[in-house]
Amino acid sequence: MSVPKESPYNPNRFLFNGHLQTIFPALFRKNIPLAFERERITTTDGDFLDLDWLRRGSPELIIISHGLEGNSRRPYMSGMADAFFSMGYDVLNWNFRGCSGDMNRKPYFYHSGATSDLEQVVVHAQPGYRSISLIGFSLGGNLTLKYLGEAHWPGHQKIKKAVALSVPLDLAGSSDRIDQPANKLYAFRFLRSLKQKIRQKALHFPEIASEIRLDKIQTLRAFDDAFTAPLHGFEHAADYYKKCSSLQFLSGIRHPALVLNARNDPFLSAKCYPDKGTETRGQVRMEFPSHGGHVGFSPRTIRERYWSEIKALEFIQSENYL
């Protein structure tokens, strides 16, 4: 494994801790208007996925995956898409099931380890491209690394590189971290959105919530115990976390990949910074800057690109980055 290193990220001096570095871009970052073209594809189980394309005829494609309760057009997604599109790449931002604005057709939706959906996006997109690179934020980062660490996907044949940002490599520890009192605001926002999604889905599939009172669920782990795990074939939240944490899949990755986790990320557990002891056959580079927050890495001035976008460009464009 490449030796983890401190990256020279210098945050705006007014954003002096992990919470501010997380909250400020989430609330105040302006969305970049991009001319996305929406495409809906049918999945093998009869559901659908909504894809947003930026095309310029490049032989290289970037596929970007969003985070928990995000979507393809969140500012961090549009920012990363713009960074690569402006450098000549084609870009595909995709929406997890139920995240595009239209509720998906099945009683289940998406989760941190649903790599079959990412495979379907990759296989659908790859004709006409010489290479594909993957970028994932948070939950999408975990999904990306797990996908690359699973050896059986045909879609791997055109993958060039991958970048995973603010990744909960350890799902159990990260879920418990978000549920701590100091992070109550984040948990509340996630749970409010997730509960609303269950209410919408229960209109068509009342059996999924018939024996559960949503108002009694106060933590992400409790939500995953009640809904995420059983809806997607897991025994309980602990089983879901154990089977889907990307930390255990790093050793199977055969493509150059960059993991970028800020040490002051309020969402991540200590196991999300595996300084040593993880065998990755030299393919995974890990950088743990002291600052950055969760899906933050704001620039020092509004005229600059987000540091995470610069790092992703450097990694994917470099021939000898590992």
C-alpha atoms as a PDB file:
ATOM      1  CA  MET A   1       0.000   0.000   0.000  1.00  0.00           C
ATOM      2  CA  SER A   2       1.211   3.506  -0.706  1.00  0.00           C
ATOM      3  CA  VAL A   3       2.266   5.304   2.442  1.00  0.00           C
ATOM      4  CA  PRO A   4      -0.453   7.739   3.577  1.00  0.00           C
ATOM      5  CA  LYS A   5       0.684  11.333   3.445  1.00  0.00           C
ATOM      6  CA  GLU A   6      -0.485  14.700   4.629  1.00  0.00           C
ATOM      7  CA  SER A   7      -1.760  16.789   1.731  1.00  0.00           C
ATOM      8  CA  PRO A   8      -1.079  20.525   1.567  1.00  0.00           C
ATOM      9  CA  TYR A   9      -4.671  21.672   1.937  1.00  0.00           C
ATOM     10  CA  ASN A  10      -5.001  25.096   3.547  1.00  0.00           C
ATOM     11  CA  PRO A  11      -8.595  26.014   4.440  1.00  0.00           C
ATOM     12  CA  ASN A  12     -10.083  29.469   4.578  1.00  0.00           C
ATOM     13  CA  ARG A  13      -9.038  30.878   7.952  1.00  0.00           C
ATOM     14  CA  PHE A  14     -12.651  31.566   8.930  1.00  0.00           C
ATOM     15  CA  LEU A  15     -13.517  27.888   8.499  1.00  0.00           C
ATOM     16  CA  PHE A  16     -11.337  26.734  11.355  1.00  0.00           C
ATOM     17  CA  ASN A  17     -12.850  23.338  12.271  1.00  0.00           C
ATOM     18  CA  GLY A  18     -14.400  20.274  10.700  1.00  0.00           C
ATOM     19  CA  HIS A  19     -17.986  21.344  11.328  1.00  0.00           C
ATOM     20  CA  LEU A  20     -17.581  24.708   9.636  1.00  0.00           C
ATOM     21  CA  GLN A  21     -15.669  23.106   6.775  1.00  0.00           C
ATOM     22  CA  THR A  22     -18.592  20.688   6.338  1.00  0.00           C
ATOM     23  CA  ILE A  23     -21.542  23.035   6.836  1.00  0.00           C
ATOM     24  CA  PHE A  24     -20.397  26.101   4.904  1.00  0.00           C
ATOM     25  CA  PRO A  25     -20.124  24.474   1.445  1.00  0.00           C
ATOM     26  CA  ALA A  26     -23.252  22.387   2.078  1.00  0.00           C
ATOM     27  CA  LEU A  27     -25.327  25.502   2.753  1.00  0.00           C
ATOM     28  CA  PHE A  28     -23.672  28.265   0.775  1.00  0.00           C
ATOM     29  CA  ARG A  29     -21.937  26.756  -2.231  1.00  0.00           C
ATOM     30  CA  LYS A  30     -23.618  27.996  -5.422  1.00  0.00           C
ATOM     31  CA  ASN A  31     -24.569  25.453  -8.028  1.00  0.00           C
ATOM     32  CA  ILE A  32     -22.831  25.708 -11.393  1.00  0.00           C
ATOM     33  CA  PRO A  33     -25.428  25.755 -14.207  1.00  0.00           C
ATOM     34  CA  LEU A  34     -24.552  22.921 -16.564  1.00  0.00           C
ATOM     35  CA  ALA A  35     -26.411  21.672 -19.635  1.00  0.00           C
ATOM     36  CA  PHE A  36     -27.031  18.135 -18.408  1.00  0.00           C
ATOM     37  CA  GLU A  37     -28.944  15.761 -20.667  1.00  0.00           C
ATOM     38  CA  ARG A  38     -31.176  13.395 -18.680  1.00  0.00           C
ATOM     39  CA  GLU A  39     -31.394   9.735 -19.668  1.00  0.00           C
ATOM     40  CA  ARG A  40     -33.459   7.058 -17.939  1.00  0.00           C
ATOM     41  CA  ILE A  41     -32.289   3.458 -18.171  1.00  0.00           C
ATOM     42  CA  THR A  42     -34.152   0.322 -17.135  1.00  0.00           C
ATOM     43  CA  THR A  43     -32.421  -1.937 -14.626  1.00  0.00           C
ATOM     44  CA  THR A  44     -32.305  -5.708 -14.848  1.00  0.00           C
ATOM     45  CA  ASP A  45     -34.927  -5.987 -12.084  1.00  0.00           C
ATOM     46  CA  GLY A  46     -37.408  -3.720 -13.858  1.00  0.00           C
ATOM     47  CA  ASP A  47     -36.607  -0.514 -11.986  1.00  0.00           C
ATOM     48  CA  PHE A  48     -34.930   2.588 -13.422  1.00  0.00           C
ATOM     49  CA  LEU A  49     -31.909   4.838 -12.927  1.00  0.00           C
ATOM     50  CA  ASP A  50     -31.700   8.474 -14.033  1.00  0.00           C
ATOM     51  CA  LEU A  51     -28.410   9.598 -15.564  1.00  0.00           C
ATOM     52  CA  ASP A  52     -27.252  13.154 -16.277  1.00  0.00           C
ATOM     53  CA  TRP A  53     -24.773  13.528 -19.144  1.00  0.00           C
ATOM     54  CA  LEU A  54     -22.311  16.194 -20.283  1.00  0.00           C
ATOM     55  CA  ARG A  55     -20.953  15.186 -23.690  1.00  0.00           C
ATOM     56  CA  ARG A  56     -18.350  16.754 -25.940  1.00  0.00           C
ATOM     57  CA  GLY A  57     -17.201  13.673 -27.874  1.00  0.00           C
ATOM     58  CA  SER A  58     -14.267  12.771 -25.634  1.00  0.00           C
ATOM     59  CA  PRO A  59     -12.866   9.224 -25.661  1.00  0.00           C
ATOM     60  CA  GLU A  60     -12.624   9.425 -21.850  1.00  0.00           C
ATOM     61  CA  LEU A  61     -15.603   9.398 -19.495  1.00  0.00           C
ATOM     62  CA  ILE A  62     -15.898  10.376 -15.819  1.00  0.00           C
ATOM     63  CA  ILE A  63     -18.732   8.753 -13.827  1.00  0.00           C
ATOM     64  CA  ILE A  64     -19.570  10.518 -10.553  1.00  0.00           C
ATOM     65  CA  SER A  65     -21.567   9.030  -7.647  1.00  0.00           C
ATOM     66  CA  HIS A  66     -23.208  11.179  -4.961  1.00  0.00           C
ATOM     67  CA  GLY A  67     -23.552  10.742  -1.215  1.00  0.00           C
ATOM     68  CA  LEU A  68     -26.341   9.782   1.200  1.00  0.00           C
ATOM     69  CA  GLU A  69     -29.600  11.490   0.200  1.00  0.00           C
ATOM     70  CA  GLY A  70     -27.769  13.491  -2.455  1.00  0.00           C
ATOM     71  CA  ASN A  71     -28.432  13.602  -6.171  1.00  0.00           C
ATOM     72  CA  SER A  72     -26.674  14.211  -9.473  1.00  0.00           C
ATOM     73  CA  ARG A  73     -27.114  17.980  -9.357  1.00  0.00           C
ATOM     74  CA  ARG A  74     -25.950  18.882  -5.886  1.00  0.00           C
ATOM     75  CA  PRO A  75     -23.330  21.665  -5.958  1.00  0.00           C
ATOM     76  CA  TYR A  76     -20.473  19.299  -5.097  1.00  0.00           C
ATOM     77  CA  MET A  77     -21.538  17.035  -7.964  1.00  0.00           C
ATOM     78  CA  SER A  78     -21.873  19.886 -10.447  1.00  0.00           C
ATOM     79  CA  GLY A  79     -18.556  21.341  -9.302  1.00  0.00           C
ATOM     80  CA  MET A  80     -16.701  18.104  -9.936  1.00  0.00           C
ATOM     81  CA  ALA A  81     -18.508  17.611 -13.252  1.00  0.00           C
ATOM     82  CA  ASP A  82     -17.570  21.114 -14.371  1.00  0.00           C
ATOM     83  CA  ALA A  83     -13.932  20.602 -13.380  1.00  0.00           C
ATOM     84  CA  PHE A  84     -13.602  17.598 -15.696  1.00  0.00           C
ATOM     85  CA  PHE A  85     -15.921  18.761 -18.483  1.00  0.00           C
ATOM     86  CA  SER A  86     -13.967  22.011 -18.792  1.00  0.00           C
ATOM     87  CA  MET A  87     -10.804  19.927 -19.240  1.00  0.00           C
ATOM     88  CA  GLY A  88     -12.226  18.015 -22.179  1.00  0.00           C
ATOM     89  CA  TYR A  89     -13.807  14.937 -20.576  1.00  0.00           C
ATOM     90  CA  ASP A  90     -17.314  13.615 -21.020  1.00  0.00           C
ATOM     91  CA  VAL A  91     -19.063  13.378 -17.644  1.00  0.00           C
ATOM     92  CA  LEU A  92     -21.915  11.270 -16.298  1.00  0.00           C
ATOM     93  CA  ASN A  93     -23.509  12.138 -12.946  1.00  0.00           C
ATOM     94  CA  TRP A  94     -25.948   9.443 -11.926  1.00  0.00           C
ATOM     95  CA  ASN A  95     -28.729   9.243  -9.371  1.00  0.00           C
ATOM     96  CA  PHE A  96     -29.177   6.359  -6.977  1.00  0.00           C
ATOM     97  CA  ARG A  97     -32.633   4.786  -6.918  1.00  0.00           C
ATOM     98  CA  GLY A  98     -35.193   7.233  -5.598  1.00  0.00           C
ATOM     99  CA  CYS A  99     -32.814  10.209  -5.619  1.00  0.00           C
ATOM    100  CA  SER A 100     -33.548  11.843  -8.989  1.00  0.00           C
ATOM    101  CA  GLY A 101     -36.808  13.491  -7.992  1.00  0.00           C
ATOM    102  CA  ASP A 102     -38.963  10.543  -9.084  1.00  0.00           C
ATOM    103  CA  MET A 103     -39.468   7.682  -6.645  1.00  0.00           C
ATOM    104  CA  ASN A 104     -38.236   4.358  -7.957  1.00  0.00           C
ATOM    105  CA  ARG A 105     -40.626   1.475  -8.638  1.00  0.00           C
ATOM    106  CA  LYS A 106     -39.439  -1.144  -6.172  1.00  0.00           C
ATOM    107  CA  PRO A 107     -40.005  -1.367  -2.383  1.00  0.00           C
ATOM    108  CA  TYR A 108     -36.238  -1.125  -1.902  1.00  0.00           C
ATOM    109  CA  PHE A 109     -34.115   1.849  -2.951  1.00  0.00           C
ATOM    110  CA  TYR A 110     -30.313   2.258  -2.563  1.00  0.00           C
ATOM    111  CA  HIS A 111     -27.595   1.542  -0.025  1.00  0.00           C
ATOM    112  CA  SER A 112     -23.832   1.820   0.511  1.00  0.00           C
ATOM    113  CA  GLY A 113     -23.033  -1.500  -1.131  1.00  0.00           C
ATOM    114  CA  ALA A 114     -25.425  -1.592  -4.109  1.00  0.00           C
ATOM    115  CA  THR A 115     -22.621  -2.184  -6.616  1.00  0.00           C
ATOM    116  CA  SER A 116     -24.889  -3.912  -9.133  1.00  0.00           C
ATOM    117  CA  ASP A 117     -26.441  -0.529  -9.913  1.00  0.00           C
ATOM    118  CA  LEU A 118     -23.038   1.059 -10.490  1.00  0.00           C
ATOM    119  CA  GLU A 119     -22.122  -1.865 -12.746  1.00  0.00           C
ATOM    120  CA  GLN A 120     -25.265  -1.311 -14.800  1.00  0.00           C
ATOM    121  CA  VAL A 121     -24.385   2.366 -15.222  1.00  0.00           C
ATOM    122  CA  VAL A 122     -20.795   1.558 -16.237  1.00  0.00           C
ATOM    123  CA  VAL A 123     -21.812  -1.124 -18.743  1.00  0.00           C
ATOM    124  CA  HIS A 124     -24.518   1.081 -20.233  1.00  0.00           C
ATOM    125  CA  ALA A 125     -22.152   4.029 -20.593  1.00  0.00           C
ATOM    126  CA  GLN A 126     -18.973   2.357 -21.821  1.00  0.00           C
ATOM    127  CA  PRO A 127     -19.636   1.856 -25.588  1.00  0.00           C
ATOM    128  CA  GLY A 128     -17.622   4.411 -27.548  1.00  0.00           C
ATOM    129  CA  TYR A 129     -15.232   5.249 -24.714  1.00  0.00           C
ATOM    130  CA  ARG A 130     -11.591   4.286 -24.491  1.00  0.00           C
ATOM    131  CA  SER A 131     -11.511   4.580 -20.716  1.00  0.00           C
ATOM    132  CA  ILE A 132     -13.740   5.361 -17.743  1.00  0.00           C
ATOM    133  CA  SER A 133     -12.714   6.848 -14.396  1.00  0.00           C
ATOM    134  CA  LEU A 134     -14.934   6.781 -11.332  1.00  0.00           C
ATOM    135  CA  ILE A 135     -15.404   9.433  -8.651  1.00  0.00           C
ATOM    136  CA  GLY A 136     -17.508   8.936  -5.527  1.00  0.00           C
ATOM    137  CA  PHE A 137     -18.462  11.181  -2.632  1.00  0.00           C
ATOM    138  CA  SER A 138     -19.095   9.750   0.857  1.00  0.00           C
ATOM    139  CA  LEU A 139     -21.581   6.858   0.450  1.00  0.00           C
ATOM    140  CA  GLY A 140     -20.804   7.011  -3.288  1.00  0.00           C
ATOM    141  CA  GLY A 141     -17.124   6.704  -2.442  1.00  0.00           C
ATOM    142  CA  ASN A 142     -17.757   3.561  -0.411  1.00  0.00           C
ATOM    143  CA  LEU A 143     -19.821   2.187  -3.289  1.00  0.00           C
ATOM    144  CA  THR A 144     -17.038   2.972  -5.769  1.00  0.00           C
ATOM    145  CA  LEU A 145     -14.293   1.258  -3.743  1.00  0.00           C
ATOM    146  CA  LYS A 146     -16.438  -1.793  -2.990  1.00  0.00           C
ATOM    147  CA  TYR A 147     -17.265  -2.069  -6.696  1.00  0.00           C
ATOM    148  CA  LEU A 148     -13.605  -1.956  -7.680  1.00  0.00           C
ATOM    149  CA  GLY A 149     -12.673  -4.476  -4.996  1.00  0.00           C
ATOM    150  CA  GLU A 150     -15.173  -7.025  -6.265  1.00  0.00           C
ATOM    151  CA  ALA A 151     -13.503  -9.046  -9.001  1.00  0.00           C
ATOM    152  CA  HIS A 152     -16.535 -10.328 -10.875  1.00  0.00           C
ATOM    153  CA  TRP A 153     -17.850  -7.222 -12.671  1.00  0.00           C
ATOM    154  CA  PRO A 154     -17.384  -7.181 -16.491  1.00  0.00           C
ATOM    155  CA  GLY A 155     -17.563  -3.376 -16.417  1.00  0.00           C
ATOM    156  CA  HIS A 156     -14.064  -3.244 -14.901  1.00  0.00           C
ATOM    157  CA  GLN A 157     -12.455  -3.765 -18.306  1.00  0.00           C
ATOM    158  CA  LYS A 158     -12.542  -0.079 -19.272  1.00  0.00           C
ATOM    159  CA  ILE A 159     -11.923   1.402 -15.819  1.00  0.00           C
ATOM    160  CA  LYS A 160      -8.802   3.560 -15.704  1.00  0.00           C
ATOM    161  CA  LYS A 161      -8.724   5.143 -12.221  1.00  0.00           C
ATOM    162  CA  ALA A 162     -10.948   6.098  -9.309  1.00  0.00           C
ATOM    163  CA  VAL A 163     -11.172   8.810  -6.664  1.00  0.00           C
ATOM    164  CA  ALA A 164     -13.170   8.402  -3.444  1.00  0.00           C
ATOM    165  CA  LEU A 165     -13.712  11.445  -1.228  1.00  0.00           C
ATOM    166  CA  SER A 166     -14.839  11.629   2.413  1.00  0.00           C
ATOM    167  CA  VAL A 167     -15.357   7.867   2.438  1.00  0.00           C
ATOM    168  CA  PRO A 168     -16.918   5.976   5.370  1.00  0.00           C
ATOM    169  CA  LEU A 169     -14.635   2.976   4.839  1.00  0.00           C
ATOM    170  CA  ASP A 170     -15.991   1.631   8.155  1.00  0.00           C
ATOM    171  CA  LEU A 171     -19.783   1.930   7.917  1.00  0.00           C
ATOM    172  CA  ALA A 172     -20.564   0.791  11.458  1.00  0.00           C
ATOM    173  CA  GLY A 173     -18.159   3.190  13.121  1.00  0.00           C
ATOM    174  CA  SER A 174     -19.148   6.070  10.864  1.00  0.00           C
ATOM    175  CA  SER A 175     -22.855   5.517  11.455  1.00  0.00           C
ATOM    176  CA  ASP A 176     -22.258   5.570  15.203  1.00  0.00           C
ATOM    177  CA  ARG A 177     -20.123   8.685  14.827  1.00  0.00           C
ATOM    178  CA  ILE A 178     -22.922  10.564  13.056  1.00  0.00           C
ATOM    179  CA  ASP A 179     -25.331   9.466  15.788  1.00  0.00           C
ATOM    180  CA  GLN A 180     -23.216  11.076  18.519  1.00  0.00           C
ATOM    181  CA  PRO A 181     -24.721  14.155  20.247  1.00  0.00           C
ATOM    182  CA  ALA A 182     -22.134  16.488  18.690  1.00  0.00           C
ATOM    183  CA  ASN A 183     -23.409  15.487  15.238  1.00  0.00           C
ATOM    184  CA  LYS A 184     -27.116  15.606  16.026  1.00  0.00           C
ATOM    185  CA  LEU A 185     -27.790  18.214  13.317  1.00  0.00           C
ATOM    186  CA  TYR A 186     -26.397  15.993  10.564  1.00  0.00           C
ATOM    187  CA  ALA A 187     -28.297  12.930  11.772  1.00  0.00           C
ATOM    188  CA  PHE A 188     -31.518  14.948  11.976  1.00  0.00           C
ATOM    189  CA  ARG A 189     -31.200  16.167   8.385  1.00  0.00           C
ATOM    190  CA  PHE A 190     -30.435  12.692   7.026  1.00  0.00           C
ATOM    191  CA  LEU A 191     -33.238  11.067   9.001  1.00  0.00           C
ATOM    192  CA  ARG A 192     -35.792  13.677   7.989  1.00  0.00           C
ATOM    193  CA  SER A 193     -35.059  13.015   4.315  1.00  0.00           C
ATOM    194  CA  LEU A 194     -34.907   9.229   4.696  1.00  0.00           C
ATOM    195  CA  LYS A 195     -38.154   9.075   6.672  1.00  0.00           C
ATOM    196  CA  GLN A 196     -39.929  11.138   4.042  1.00  0.00           C
ATOM    197  CA  LYS A 197     -38.710   8.691   1.421  1.00  0.00           C
ATOM    198  CA  ILE A 198     -40.160   5.788   3.444  1.00  0.00           C
ATOM    199  CA  ARG A 199     -43.495   7.615   3.754  1.00  0.00           C
ATOM    200  CA  GLN A 200     -43.632   8.095  -0.009  1.00  0.00           C
ATOM    201  CA  LYS A 201     -42.718   4.483  -0.670  1.00  0.00           C
ATOM    202  CA  ALA A 202     -45.250   3.211   1.869  1.00  0.00           C
ATOM    203  CA  LEU A 203     -48.044   4.759  -0.205  1.00  0.00           C
ATOM    204  CA  HIS A 204     -47.379   2.035  -2.778  1.00  0.00           C
ATOM    205  CA  PHE A 205     -45.872  -0.620  -0.497  1.00  0.00           C
ATOM    206  CA  PRO A 206     -47.633  -0.188   2.873  1.00  0.00           C
ATOM    207  CA  GLU A 207     -46.155  -3.418   4.206  1.00  0.00           C
ATOM    208  CA  ILE A 208     -42.663  -1.909   4.547  1.00  0.00           C
ATOM    209  CA  ALA A 209     -43.724   0.415   7.373  1.00  0.00           C
ATOM    210  CA  SER A 210     -46.808  -1.296   8.768  1.00  0.00           C
ATOM    211  CA  GLU A 211     -45.190  -2.355  12.044  1.00  0.00           C
ATOM    212  CA  ILE A 212     -42.713   0.484  12.531  1.00  0.00           C
ATOM    213  CA  ARG A 213     -43.314   3.938  13.972  1.00  0.00           C
ATOM    214  CA  LEU A 214     -41.072   6.359  12.137  1.00  0.00           C
ATOM    215  CA  ASP A 215     -41.240   8.905  14.945  1.00  0.00           C
ATOM    216  CA  LYS A 216     -39.532   6.383  17.252  1.00  0.00           C
ATOM    217  CA  ILE A 217     -36.448   6.155  15.022  1.00  0.00           C
ATOM    218  CA  GLN A 218     -33.900   8.667  16.261  1.00  0.00           C
ATOM    219  CA  THR A 219     -30.578   7.366  14.894  1.00  0.00           C
ATOM    220  CA  LEU A 220     -29.179   6.279  11.545  1.00  0.00           C
ATOM    221  CA  ARG A 221     -28.363   2.852  12.941  1.00  0.00           C
ATOM    222  CA  ALA A 222     -31.985   2.439  14.037  1.00  0.00           C
ATOM    223  CA  PHE A 223     -33.154   3.451  10.562  1.00  0.00           C
ATOM    224  CA  ASP A 224     -30.786   0.971   8.946  1.00  0.00           C
ATOM    225  CA  ASP A 225     -31.991  -1.733  11.347  1.00  0.00           C
ATOM    226  CA  ALA A 226     -35.629  -1.039  10.532  1.00  0.00           C
ATOM    227  CA  PHE A 227     -35.447  -0.327   6.800  1.00  0.00           C
ATOM    228  CA  THR A 228     -32.139  -0.313   4.928  1.00  0.00           C
ATOM    229  CA  ALA A 229     -31.033  -3.759   6.079  1.00  0.00           C
ATOM    230  CA  PRO A 230     -34.269  -5.761   5.712  1.00  0.00           C
ATOM    231  CA  LEU A 231     -35.343  -4.074   2.475  1.00  0.00           C
ATOM    232  CA  HIS A 232     -32.042  -5.016   0.843  1.00  0.00           C
ATOM    233  CA  GLY A 233     -31.626  -8.555   2.133  1.00  0.00           C
ATOM    234  CA  PHE A 234     -29.466  -8.021   5.207  1.00  0.00           C
ATOM    235  CA  GLU A 235     -30.222  -9.487   8.623  1.00  0.00           C
ATOM    236  CA  HIS A 236     -29.828  -6.204  10.499  1.00  0.00           C
ATOM    237  CA  ALA A 237     -27.769  -3.014  10.452  1.00  0.00           C
ATOM    238  CA  ALA A 238     -24.648  -4.718  11.810  1.00  0.00           C
ATOM    239  CA  ASP A 239     -24.840  -7.330   9.049  1.00  0.00           C
ATOM    240  CA  TYR A 240     -25.311  -4.606   6.428  1.00  0.00           C
ATOM    241  CA  TYR A 241     -22.363  -2.579   7.731  1.00  0.00           C
ATOM    242  CA  LYS A 242     -20.101  -5.639   7.939  1.00  0.00           C
ATOM    243  CA  LYS A 243     -20.822  -6.835   4.406  1.00  0.00           C
ATOM    244  CA  CYS A 244     -20.750  -3.447   2.678  1.00  0.00           C
ATOM    245  CA  SER A 245     -17.869  -1.534   4.330  1.00  0.00           C
ATOM    246  CA  SER A 246     -15.333  -0.843   1.583  1.00  0.00           C
ATOM    247  CA  LEU A 247     -12.382  -1.225   3.980  1.00  0.00           C
ATOM    248  CA  GLN A 248     -12.465  -4.993   3.497  1.00  0.00           C
ATOM    249  CA  PHE A 249     -12.505  -4.649  -0.316  1.00  0.00           C
ATOM    250  CA  LEU A 250      -9.380  -2.495  -0.694  1.00  0.00           C
ATOM    251  CA  SER A 251      -7.121  -5.521  -1.129  1.00  0.00           C
ATOM    252  CA  GLY A 252      -9.064  -6.562  -4.220  1.00  0.00           C
ATOM    253  CA  ILE A 253      -8.689  -3.270  -6.077  1.00  0.00           C
ATOM    254  CA  ARG A 254      -6.670  -3.620  -9.274  1.00  0.00           C
ATOM    255  CA  HIS A 255      -7.018  -0.066 -10.578  1.00  0.00           C
ATOM    256  CA  PRO A 256      -5.199   3.025  -9.285  1.00  0.00           C
ATOM    257  CA  ALA A 257      -7.435   4.670  -6.709  1.00  0.00           C
ATOM    258  CA  LEU A 258      -7.147   7.718  -4.460  1.00  0.00           C
ATOM    259  CA  VAL A 259      -8.898   7.910  -1.084  1.00  0.00           C
ATOM    260  CA  LEU A 260      -9.113  11.447   0.277  1.00  0.00           C
ATOM    261  CA  ASN A 261     -10.385  11.681   3.879  1.00  0.00           C
ATOM    262  CA  ALA A 262      -9.942  14.760   6.045  1.00  0.00           C
ATOM    263  CA  ARG A 263      -8.844  13.909   9.574  1.00  0.00           C
ATOM    264  CA  ASN A 264     -11.345  16.411  11.003  1.00  0.00           C
ATOM    265  CA  ASP A 265     -14.291  14.896   9.108  1.00  0.00           C
ATOM    266  CA  PRO A 266     -17.102  14.758  11.703  1.00  0.00           C
ATOM    267  CA  PHE A 267     -18.685  11.721  10.001  1.00  0.00           C
ATOM    268  CA  LEU A 268     -15.744   9.320   9.900  1.00  0.00           C
ATOM    269  CA  SER A 269     -14.556   6.820  12.511  1.00  0.00           C
ATOM    270  CA  ALA A 270     -10.914   6.076  13.311  1.00  0.00           C
ATOM    271  CA  LYS A 271     -10.967   3.002  11.040  1.00  0.00           C
ATOM    272  CA  CYS A 272     -11.551   5.300   8.056  1.00  0.00           C
ATOM    273  CA  TYR A 273      -7.860   6.265   8.292  1.00  0.00           C
ATOM    274  CA  PRO A 274      -6.034   2.948   7.827  1.00  0.00           C
ATOM    275  CA  ASP A 275      -2.465   4.209   8.162  1.00  0.00           C
ATOM    276  CA  LYS A 276      -0.992   0.741   8.046  1.00  0.00           C
ATOM    277  CA  GLY A 277      -1.856  -2.918   8.019  1.00  0.00           C
ATOM    278  CA  THR A 278      -4.038  -2.840   4.914  1.00  0.00           C
ATOM    279  CA  GLU A 279      -2.603  -4.751   1.959  1.00  0.00           C
ATOM    280  CA  THR A 280      -3.671  -3.160  -1.332  1.00  0.00           C
ATOM    281  CA  ARG A 281      -1.071  -4.389  -3.826  1.00  0.00           C
ATOM    282  CA  GLY A 282       0.077  -0.822  -4.329  1.00  0.00           C
ATOM    283  CA  GLN A 283      -3.079   0.332  -6.118  1.00  0.00           C
ATOM    284  CA  VAL A 284      -4.706   2.498  -3.442  1.00  0.00           C
ATOM    285  CA  ARG A 285      -3.210   5.807  -2.417  1.00  0.00           C
ATOM    286  CA  MET A 286      -4.556   7.346   0.771  1.00  0.00           C
ATOM    287  CA  GLU A 287      -4.263  11.009   1.691  1.00  0.00           C
ATOM    288  CA  PHE A 288      -5.499  12.286   5.031  1.00  0.00           C
ATOM    289  CA  PRO A 289      -5.174  16.087   5.217  1.00  0.00           C
ATOM    290  CA  SER A 290      -5.699  17.605   8.636  1.00  0.00           C
ATOM    291  CA  HIS A 291      -8.573  19.787   7.411  1.00  0.00           C
ATOM    292  CA  GLY A 292     -11.419  19.583   4.928  1.00  0.00           C
ATOM    293  CA  GLY A 293     -14.507  18.436   6.828  1.00  0.00           C
ATOM    294  CA  HIS A 294     -16.980  16.114   5.127  1.00  0.00           C
ATOM    295  CA  VAL A 295     -17.350  16.691   1.371  1.00  0.00           C
ATOM    296  CA  GLY A 296     -15.848  20.097   2.057  1.00  0.00           C
ATOM    297  CA  PHE A 297     -12.343  21.139   0.998  1.00  0.00           C
ATOM    298  CA  SER A 298     -13.509  24.680   0.232  1.00  0.00           C
ATOM    299  CA  PRO A 299     -11.044  26.976  -1.538  1.00  0.00           C
ATOM    300  CA  ARG A 300      -9.518  29.951   0.232  1.00  0.00           C
ATOM    301  CA  THR A 301     -11.269  32.369  -2.158  1.00  0.00           C
ATOM    302  CA  ILE A 302     -14.426  32.161  -4.274  1.00  0.00           C
ATOM    303  CA  ARG A 303     -12.345  32.477  -7.450  1.00  0.00           C
ATOM    304  CA  GLU A 304     -10.579  29.165  -6.876  1.00  0.00           C
ATOM    305  CA  ARG A 305     -11.687  25.611  -7.537  1.00  0.00           C
ATOM    306  CA  TYR A 306     -12.445  23.312  -4.661  1.00  0.00           C
ATOM    307  CA  TRP A 307      -9.278  21.544  -3.574  1.00  0.00           C
ATOM    308  CA  SER A 308     -10.920  18.112  -3.921  1.00  0.00           C
ATOM    309  CA  GLU A 309     -11.602  18.844  -7.591  1.00  0.00           C
ATOM    310  CA  ILE A 310      -7.990  19.834  -8.179  1.00  0.00           C
ATOM    311  CA  LYS A 311      -6.763  16.659  -6.474  1.00  0.00           C
ATOM    312  CA  ALA A 312      -9.130  14.486  -8.494  1.00  0.00           C
ATOM    313  CA  LEU A 313      -7.937  16.076 -11.747  1.00  0.00           C
ATOM    314  CA  GLU A 314      -4.291  15.654 -10.770  1.00  0.00           C
ATOM    315  CA  PHE A 315      -4.758  11.998  -9.910  1.00  0.00           C
ATOM    316  CA  ILE A 316      -6.742  10.994 -12.971  1.00  0.00           C
ATOM    317  CA  GLN A 317      -4.574  12.945 -15.400  1.00  0.00           C
ATOM    318  CA  SER A 318      -1.218  11.872 -13.952  1.00  0.00           C
ATOM    319  CA  GLU A 319       0.658   8.862 -15.321  1.00  0.00           C
ATOM    320  CA  ASN A 320       2.663   8.241 -12.148  1.00  0.00           C
ATOM    321  CA  TYR A 321       0.568   9.388  -9.230  1.00  0.00           C
ATOM    322  CA  LEU A 322       0.805   6.348  -6.970  1.00  0.00           C
END
